[in-house]
């Protein structure tokens, strides 16, 4: 007899179903996602015994982390790496596996919290509008002629996604940003002295180091305000995520030294 445990599918994220397949010999096999129809090798079969009719092989999509019962899979890490192609102004520094895992854990925690509050839905029109700007902003898109629908679809397929998969993943990112914006950004106010200090101590020395003339403060004040605002949001968000990790159950498989609130595998 086989038992199945399923988690609901959330838009924009692959929620892994936990599938417990019990073979006729009582061997339990766990797999993430949808178990494909192939043959499961049991000890008896590996010794040369014939396969039992109706058995199926379960390709294992390795579990990387468990966040309050939700799985992060190896395929999620792979997809996150491929999504980097859709960040036209990304930092070119290589991202480590550990950083990818942390990013997905943080995203999972935010999405779990967003489900607890009534958040405005991200409309299809809003997603399409952002993707329309995105396809004009990716330098690598030029060769694939992304200004055309066929070229854009070709570029997206080259990263291993369908257009619908990309829309779902982009919608998820918009949901995360919307949650962070509403929870942390709205109450932050940047005072003029903070802008003056950043201009004097950070921006001007940076220009002088490059032998360039710094622009007038008035012309960059809005940009400085945005930078300072984002710094404060990031600081608040980091502290909030640390608290969520400590209060919940975050298990990173294969981690040698889990952070506070994380379980050792």
Protein backbone atom coordinates (compact mmCIF):
# COMPACT_ATOMS: atom_id res chain seq x y z
CA UNK A 1 0.00 0.00 0.00
CA UNK A 2 1.30 3.46 -0.75
CA UNK A 3 0.66 6.58 1.28
CA UNK A 4 0.73 10.11 -0.13
CA UNK A 5 1.22 13.43 1.63
CA UNK A 6 0.68 16.53 -0.48
CA UNK A 7 1.25 20.19 0.22
CA UNK A 8 -0.86 22.75 -1.65
CA UNK A 9 0.84 24.37 -4.62
CA UNK A 10 1.50 28.09 -4.07
CA UNK A 11 1.69 30.34 -7.11
CA UNK A 12 5.24 31.17 -8.10
CA UNK A 13 6.91 28.45 -6.05
CA UNK A 14 7.40 24.77 -6.37
CA UNK A 15 6.05 23.33 -3.13
CA UNK A 16 7.40 19.79 -2.98
CA UNK A 17 4.94 17.01 -2.37
CA UNK A 18 6.23 14.45 0.10
CA UNK A 19 5.49 11.12 -1.44
CA UNK A 20 5.95 8.00 0.65
CA UNK A 21 6.06 4.96 -1.58
CA UNK A 22 5.93 1.67 0.29
CA UNK A 23 6.83 -1.29 -1.92
CA UNK A 24 5.45 -4.78 -1.51
CA UNK A 25 8.62 -5.66 0.42
CA UNK A 26 8.04 -2.86 2.93
CA UNK A 27 10.81 -0.56 1.61
CA UNK A 28 9.91 3.11 2.07
CA UNK A 29 11.24 5.62 -0.46
CA UNK A 30 10.88 9.40 -0.09
CA UNK A 31 10.92 11.68 -3.11
CA UNK A 32 10.32 15.38 -3.65
CA UNK A 33 8.00 16.64 -6.34
CA UNK A 34 6.22 14.26 -8.71
CA UNK A 35 7.48 10.70 -8.69
CA UNK A 36 8.05 9.52 -12.25
CA UNK A 37 7.01 6.14 -13.48
CA UNK A 38 10.12 3.98 -13.46
CA UNK A 39 11.17 0.89 -11.48
CA UNK A 40 12.23 1.08 -7.81
CA UNK A 41 15.11 -1.25 -7.12
CA UNK A 42 14.61 -3.25 -3.94
CA UNK A 43 17.30 -5.38 -2.24
CA UNK A 44 15.80 -8.52 -3.73
CA UNK A 45 15.79 -7.07 -7.24
CA UNK A 46 19.37 -5.87 -6.99
CA UNK A 47 20.27 -9.47 -6.19
CA UNK A 48 18.76 -10.58 -9.46
CA UNK A 49 15.10 -11.16 -8.50
CA UNK A 50 12.56 -10.06 -11.14
CA UNK A 51 10.76 -6.74 -10.71
CA UNK A 52 7.28 -6.94 -9.25
CA UNK A 53 4.60 -5.78 -11.66
CA UNK A 54 3.28 -2.31 -10.87
CA UNK A 55 6.41 -1.11 -9.07
CA UNK A 56 7.93 2.14 -10.27
CA UNK A 57 11.34 3.75 -9.97
CA UNK A 58 11.37 7.01 -7.99
CA UNK A 59 14.06 9.51 -9.10
CA UNK A 60 15.14 11.33 -5.96
CA UNK A 61 15.29 15.12 -6.08
CA UNK A 62 17.60 15.70 -3.12
CA UNK A 63 16.25 17.68 -0.19
CA UNK A 64 18.56 20.59 0.67
CA UNK A 65 16.66 22.15 3.57
CA UNK A 66 13.39 21.89 5.48
CA UNK A 67 11.77 25.17 6.52
CA UNK A 68 8.92 24.68 8.98
CA UNK A 69 7.97 21.50 7.14
CA UNK A 70 8.40 22.89 3.59
CA UNK A 71 11.11 21.41 1.41
CA UNK A 72 13.85 23.15 -0.55
CA UNK A 73 15.15 20.80 -3.22
CA UNK A 74 18.28 20.52 -5.34
CA UNK A 75 16.10 21.47 -8.31
CA UNK A 76 15.14 24.68 -6.51
CA UNK A 77 18.83 25.61 -6.19
CA UNK A 78 19.34 24.84 -9.87
CA UNK A 79 16.37 27.01 -10.87
CA UNK A 80 17.56 29.86 -8.65
CA UNK A 81 20.97 29.79 -10.36
CA UNK A 82 19.33 29.91 -13.78
CA UNK A 83 17.09 32.81 -12.73
CA UNK A 84 20.24 34.94 -12.40
CA UNK A 85 20.09 35.40 -16.18
CA UNK A 86 17.00 37.58 -15.66
CA UNK A 87 18.80 40.05 -13.37
CA UNK A 88 20.34 42.55 -15.82
CA UNK A 89 22.09 44.65 -13.16
CA UNK A 90 23.20 41.79 -10.94
CA UNK A 91 26.48 41.62 -9.09
CA UNK A 92 28.81 39.50 -11.20
CA UNK A 93 30.43 37.97 -8.10
CA UNK A 94 29.94 34.20 -8.03
CA UNK A 95 27.26 33.05 -5.59
CA UNK A 96 28.13 30.08 -3.42
CA UNK A 97 25.86 27.13 -2.79
CA UNK A 98 25.55 28.18 0.86
CA UNK A 99 24.40 31.66 -0.19
CA UNK A 100 21.81 30.18 -2.54
CA UNK A 101 20.46 27.94 0.23
CA UNK A 102 20.26 30.90 2.63
CA UNK A 103 18.47 32.98 -0.01
CA UNK A 104 15.85 30.29 -0.59
CA UNK A 105 15.36 29.74 3.15
CA UNK A 106 14.80 33.47 3.68
CA UNK A 107 12.38 33.60 0.75
CA UNK A 108 10.48 30.62 2.13
CA UNK A 109 10.18 32.25 5.54
CA UNK A 110 8.87 35.48 3.99
CA UNK A 111 6.34 33.63 1.83
CA UNK A 112 5.13 31.63 4.84
CA UNK A 113 4.58 34.86 6.78
CA UNK A 114 2.87 36.54 3.84
CA UNK A 115 0.31 33.73 3.82
CA UNK A 116 -0.71 34.75 7.34
CA UNK A 117 -1.80 38.24 6.27
CA UNK A 118 -4.15 39.54 3.66
CA UNK A 119 -1.86 40.77 0.90
CA UNK A 120 -3.12 42.40 -2.32
CA UNK A 121 -2.80 39.95 -5.19
CA UNK A 122 -0.20 40.66 -7.86
CA UNK A 123 -2.19 40.99 -11.07
CA UNK A 124 -1.21 39.33 -14.34
CA UNK A 125 -1.01 42.80 -15.88
CA UNK A 126 1.53 43.93 -13.25
CA UNK A 127 3.69 40.84 -13.84
CA UNK A 128 3.54 41.29 -17.61
CA UNK A 129 4.44 44.98 -17.30
CA UNK A 130 7.58 44.17 -15.30
CA UNK A 131 8.59 41.40 -17.70
CA UNK A 132 8.07 43.77 -20.65
CA UNK A 133 10.62 46.15 -19.11
CA UNK A 134 12.91 43.25 -18.18
CA UNK A 135 13.16 41.86 -21.71
CA UNK A 136 14.43 45.25 -22.89
CA UNK A 137 17.04 45.47 -20.12
CA UNK A 138 19.00 42.21 -20.43
CA UNK A 139 22.15 42.72 -22.55
CA UNK A 140 22.36 39.00 -23.40
CA UNK A 141 18.86 39.25 -24.87
CA UNK A 142 20.07 41.26 -27.85
CA UNK A 143 21.41 38.21 -29.69
CA UNK A 144 18.07 36.44 -29.30
CA UNK A 145 16.11 39.51 -30.45
CA UNK A 146 14.07 39.65 -27.26
CA UNK A 147 12.07 42.60 -28.52
CA UNK A 148 10.09 40.01 -30.50
CA UNK A 149 7.87 37.41 -28.82
CA UNK A 150 9.69 34.58 -30.57
CA UNK A 151 13.08 35.92 -29.50
CA UNK A 152 11.97 36.36 -25.89
CA UNK A 153 10.56 32.83 -25.77
CA UNK A 154 13.83 31.52 -27.25
CA UNK A 155 15.90 33.33 -24.59
CA UNK A 156 13.66 32.12 -21.76
CA UNK A 157 13.83 28.53 -23.05
CA UNK A 158 17.62 28.86 -23.22
CA UNK A 159 17.63 29.36 -19.44
CA UNK A 160 15.54 26.21 -18.96
CA UNK A 161 12.14 27.83 -18.33
CA UNK A 162 8.83 28.08 -20.11
CA UNK A 163 7.18 31.50 -20.33
CA UNK A 164 4.59 30.42 -17.75
CA UNK A 165 7.27 29.17 -15.33
CA UNK A 166 9.10 32.48 -15.61
CA UNK A 167 5.87 34.43 -14.99
CA UNK A 168 5.16 32.35 -11.88
CA UNK A 169 8.65 32.81 -10.50
CA UNK A 170 8.63 36.54 -11.24
CA UNK A 171 5.24 36.89 -9.56
CA UNK A 172 6.70 35.21 -6.46
CA UNK A 173 9.55 37.73 -6.37
CA UNK A 174 7.07 40.56 -6.66
CA UNK A 175 5.08 39.07 -3.77
CA UNK A 176 8.21 38.97 -1.60
CA UNK A 177 9.11 42.57 -2.42
CA UNK A 178 5.54 43.72 -1.79
CA UNK A 179 5.53 42.06 1.65
CA UNK A 180 8.89 43.56 2.61
CA UNK A 181 7.81 46.98 1.36
CA UNK A 182 4.61 47.00 3.37
CA UNK A 183 6.10 45.54 6.55
CA UNK A 184 9.37 47.50 6.81
CA UNK A 185 9.63 50.38 4.38
CA UNK A 186 6.50 52.38 5.09
CA UNK A 187 7.48 53.55 8.57
CA UNK A 188 11.06 54.57 7.75
CA UNK A 189 11.91 58.24 7.33
CA UNK A 190 15.30 59.52 6.16
CA UNK A 191 16.23 62.90 7.64
CA UNK A 192 18.10 65.55 5.66
CA UNK A 193 21.18 65.38 7.95
CA UNK A 194 21.53 61.68 7.05
CA UNK A 195 21.51 62.56 3.35
CA UNK A 196 24.07 65.32 3.93
CA UNK A 197 26.36 62.96 5.84
CA UNK A 198 26.18 60.23 3.18
CA UNK A 199 26.95 62.76 0.45
CA UNK A 200 29.89 64.22 2.37
CA UNK A 201 31.44 61.03 3.78
CA UNK A 202 30.62 58.42 1.15
CA UNK A 203 29.66 59.81 -2.23
CA UNK A 204 32.19 62.68 -2.51
CA UNK A 205 35.22 60.56 -1.44
CA UNK A 206 34.14 57.90 -3.94
CA UNK A 207 34.16 60.38 -6.83
CA UNK A 208 37.45 61.92 -5.68
CA UNK A 209 39.06 58.50 -5.54
CA UNK A 210 38.22 58.07 -9.22
CA UNK A 211 39.47 61.56 -10.06
CA UNK A 212 35.96 62.71 -10.99
CA UNK A 213 33.97 65.75 -9.94
CA UNK A 214 31.05 64.82 -7.67
CA UNK A 215 27.61 66.01 -8.79
CA UNK A 216 25.77 68.64 -6.72
CA UNK A 217 24.05 67.12 -3.70
CA UNK A 218 20.64 68.38 -4.82
CA UNK A 219 20.88 66.37 -8.05
CA UNK A 220 21.53 63.07 -6.25
CA UNK A 221 19.58 63.61 -3.02
CA UNK A 222 16.69 61.37 -4.10
CA UNK A 223 19.08 58.55 -5.00
CA UNK A 224 20.92 58.91 -1.67
CA UNK A 225 17.62 58.79 0.17
CA UNK A 226 16.72 55.56 -1.66
CA UNK A 227 20.08 54.01 -0.77
CA UNK A 228 19.74 54.90 2.92
CA UNK A 229 16.15 53.68 2.94
CA UNK A 230 17.16 50.35 1.46
CA UNK A 231 19.98 49.98 3.97
CA UNK A 232 17.55 50.39 6.86
CA UNK A 233 15.05 47.99 5.27
CA UNK A 234 17.79 45.39 4.83
CA UNK A 235 18.89 45.78 8.44
CA UNK A 236 15.34 45.38 9.77
CA UNK A 237 14.69 42.46 7.43
CA UNK A 238 17.88 40.65 8.50
CA UNK A 239 16.96 40.92 12.18
CA UNK A 240 13.39 39.78 11.50
CA UNK A 241 14.58 36.75 9.51
CA UNK A 242 17.02 35.78 12.27
CA UNK A 243 14.13 35.87 14.74
CA UNK A 244 11.97 33.71 12.44
CA UNK A 245 14.77 31.16 12.14
CA UNK A 246 15.19 31.06 15.91
CA UNK A 247 11.45 30.68 16.55
CA UNK A 248 10.77 28.12 13.83
CA UNK A 249 12.34 24.95 12.54
CA UNK A 250 14.96 25.35 9.82
CA UNK A 251 17.01 22.30 9.00
CA UNK A 252 19.82 22.46 6.44
CA UNK A 253 20.79 18.97 5.36
CA UNK A 254 24.51 18.39 5.40
CA UNK A 255 25.21 21.58 7.39
CA UNK A 256 28.11 21.15 9.78
CA UNK A 257 27.26 23.99 12.15
CA UNK A 258 23.61 25.13 12.05
CA UNK A 259 22.74 28.69 12.94
CA UNK A 260 20.69 29.47 16.06
CA UNK A 261 17.22 28.04 15.58
CA UNK A 262 18.45 25.55 12.98
CA UNK A 263 18.47 21.80 13.58
CA UNK A 264 21.47 19.64 12.91
CA UNK A 265 20.65 16.97 10.32
